[in-house]
Protein backbone atom coordinates (compact mmCIF):
# COMPACT_ATOMS: atom_id res chain seq x y z
CA MET A 1 142.50 17.11 -103.11
CA LYS A 2 142.90 18.91 -106.43
CA SER A 3 140.27 21.27 -107.82
CA ARG A 4 139.53 18.92 -110.73
CA ASP A 5 138.54 16.28 -108.16
CA ILE A 6 135.70 18.46 -106.91
CA PRO A 7 132.50 17.11 -108.46
CA PHE A 8 130.28 19.64 -110.18
CA ALA A 9 127.16 18.84 -112.11
CA ILE A 10 124.36 21.03 -113.25
CA ALA A 11 120.80 19.78 -113.38
CA ALA A 12 119.49 20.37 -116.85
CA SER A 13 115.75 20.08 -117.06
CA GLY A 14 114.60 18.16 -120.08
CA ALA A 15 111.14 18.05 -121.58
CA GLU A 16 110.82 14.38 -120.78
CA GLY A 17 111.90 12.44 -117.73
CA PRO A 18 114.01 13.53 -114.77
CA PRO A 19 116.65 16.23 -115.08
CA ALA A 20 119.92 15.06 -116.56
CA GLU A 21 123.22 16.10 -115.06
CA THR A 22 125.51 18.14 -117.25
CA SER A 23 129.10 18.85 -116.33
CA ILE A 24 130.54 22.33 -116.59
CA PRO A 25 132.77 21.34 -119.55
CA GLN A 26 129.73 19.89 -121.36
CA LEU A 27 127.76 23.07 -120.72
CA VAL A 28 130.60 25.16 -122.16
CA GLY A 29 130.54 22.98 -125.29
CA GLU A 30 126.76 23.27 -125.60
CA ILE A 31 126.86 27.04 -125.22
CA TYR A 32 129.64 27.21 -127.83
CA GLU A 33 127.45 25.38 -130.34
CA SER A 34 124.42 27.57 -129.62
CA VAL A 35 126.00 31.00 -130.14
CA PRO A 36 126.87 32.87 -133.35
CA PRO A 37 130.41 32.50 -134.75
CA SER A 38 131.57 35.87 -133.42
CA GLU A 39 130.67 34.79 -129.88
CA ARG A 40 132.32 31.41 -130.43
CA ALA A 41 135.61 33.18 -131.03
CA SER A 42 135.08 35.24 -127.88
CA LEU A 43 134.39 32.08 -125.85
CA LEU A 44 137.63 30.48 -127.02
CA GLU A 45 139.95 33.40 -126.36
CA PRO A 46 139.94 33.30 -122.52
CA LEU A 47 140.43 29.53 -122.62
CA LEU A 48 143.32 29.67 -125.08
CA ARG A 49 145.13 32.78 -123.86
CA PRO A 50 146.83 31.30 -120.74
CA LEU A 51 147.76 28.01 -122.41
CA GLY A 52 150.90 27.37 -124.40
CA VAL A 53 150.98 25.82 -127.84
CA LEU A 54 152.71 22.71 -126.57
CA SER A 55 149.93 22.00 -124.06
CA LEU A 56 147.29 22.64 -126.74
CA LEU A 57 148.77 19.96 -128.99
CA GLY A 58 147.34 17.31 -126.66
CA VAL A 59 143.79 18.68 -126.62
CA ALA A 60 141.21 17.76 -129.30
CA ASN A 61 143.81 16.39 -131.71
CA GLY A 62 145.78 19.66 -131.67
CA ILE A 63 143.09 21.77 -133.34
CA PHE A 64 143.57 24.56 -130.80
CA ALA A 65 147.35 24.72 -131.30
CA SER A 66 146.68 25.67 -134.92
CA VAL A 67 144.10 28.27 -133.84
CA ARG A 68 146.57 29.68 -131.32
CA PHE A 69 149.35 30.01 -133.90
CA ARG A 70 147.13 31.90 -136.34
CA SER A 71 145.51 34.11 -133.67
CA GLY A 72 148.54 36.22 -132.84
CA TRP A 73 150.83 36.50 -129.87
CA PRO A 74 150.49 37.94 -127.19
CA ASP A 75 147.37 39.90 -128.21
CA MET A 76 145.35 36.94 -129.34
CA HIS A 77 142.23 37.34 -131.46
CA VAL A 78 140.62 34.16 -132.74
CA GLN A 79 139.59 34.55 -136.36
CA LEU A 80 136.24 33.28 -137.63
CA GLU A 81 137.88 31.08 -140.26
CA ASP A 82 139.91 29.37 -137.50
CA ILE A 83 136.81 28.13 -135.70
CA ARG A 84 135.08 26.70 -138.74
CA ASN A 85 136.16 23.15 -137.83
CA VAL A 86 135.90 23.48 -134.03
CA ARG A 87 133.01 21.48 -132.59
CA GLY A 88 131.34 21.69 -129.19
CA SER A 89 133.04 18.45 -128.14
CA ASP A 90 136.42 20.05 -128.90
CA VAL A 91 135.52 23.01 -126.69
CA THR A 92 134.39 20.62 -123.95
CA ALA A 93 137.82 18.98 -124.04
CA LEU A 94 139.56 22.37 -124.10
CA PHE A 95 137.64 23.65 -121.07
CA ASP A 96 138.19 20.38 -119.21
CA TYR A 97 141.94 20.76 -119.71
CA ALA A 98 142.10 24.53 -119.14
CA GLN A 99 140.19 24.45 -115.85
CA GLN A 100 142.66 21.90 -114.50
CA VAL A 101 145.74 23.96 -115.25
CA SER A 102 144.69 27.61 -115.27
CA VAL A 103 142.57 29.62 -112.86
CA GLU A 104 143.02 32.51 -115.31
CA ALA A 105 141.16 30.56 -118.02
CA VAL A 106 138.13 29.98 -115.79
CA ASP A 107 138.13 33.58 -114.55
CA GLY A 108 138.41 34.89 -118.11
CA LEU A 109 135.48 32.76 -119.21
CA VAL A 110 133.35 34.04 -116.31
CA GLN A 111 134.12 37.62 -117.32
CA MET A 112 133.37 36.95 -120.98
CA VAL A 113 130.05 35.19 -120.30
CA SER A 114 128.98 37.86 -117.81
CA ALA A 115 129.78 40.72 -120.21
CA SER A 116 128.33 39.24 -123.38
CA PRO A 117 125.12 40.91 -124.56
CA VAL A 118 124.36 37.84 -126.71
CA LEU A 119 124.55 35.54 -123.69
CA ALA A 120 122.81 37.95 -121.29
CA GLY A 121 119.39 36.37 -121.76
CA SER A 122 120.59 32.78 -121.93
CA ALA A 123 119.64 30.51 -119.06
CA ALA A 124 122.52 28.19 -119.98
CA ALA A 125 125.01 31.07 -119.78
CA TRP A 126 123.59 32.10 -116.40
CA LEU A 127 123.97 28.51 -115.15
CA LEU A 128 127.52 28.43 -116.50
CA ALA A 129 128.52 31.71 -114.86
CA THR A 130 127.06 30.55 -111.53
CA ALA A 131 128.82 27.18 -111.78
CA LEU A 132 132.13 28.80 -112.72
CA VAL A 133 131.96 31.18 -109.75
CA ARG A 134 131.30 28.19 -107.46
CA LEU A 135 134.17 26.32 -109.07
CA ALA A 136 136.51 29.27 -108.45
CA GLU A 137 135.39 29.49 -104.82
CA ALA A 138 135.94 25.75 -104.36
CA ARG A 139 139.42 26.01 -105.91
CA ARG A 140 140.32 28.80 -103.49
CA THR A 141 139.03 26.71 -100.58
CA VAL A 142 141.10 23.72 -101.69
CA ALA A 143 144.19 25.88 -102.18
CA HIS A 144 143.91 28.02 -99.05
CA GLY A 145 141.58 26.13 -96.72
CA PRO A 146 138.19 27.29 -95.54
CA ARG A 147 137.84 30.93 -94.60
CA LYS A 148 137.86 31.57 -90.88
CA SER A 149 135.11 33.65 -89.43
CA SER A 150 136.11 36.96 -87.92
CA VAL A 151 133.33 36.62 -85.38
CA ALA A 152 134.44 35.09 -82.09
CA PRO A 153 132.34 32.14 -80.90
CA SER A 154 130.10 32.96 -77.97
């Protein structure tokens, strides 16, 4: 079983009706659209950094390959003018791809969300950070098997 096969959904409470399920990639896209442009650039950097330009050509019609080229190498800094045309759905696709191929991308996003003063009071960011930590734990379990207890059975 691959980590992308592990189902994750987050219950998002709506004002009307039962809670809807939101996937982690969708939540990343929603958070991207809700934050100021400077934070949008910061959200993209950990997702783009571990990915090569060639792999980015196949995500969201190649919009992120262009961003990656203009953002510098290896010390990448996404510029505000580069994200002008990036939509939340593009970021959803980017995260969906990045989490399948790079543990570093997910870990970097957890660190960024956890450290951001803008996102500190956001319930969506808290849900995202919690879901990403669970995703990382599940990936480790899939890769290395369940942890064995050091306590001997009685």
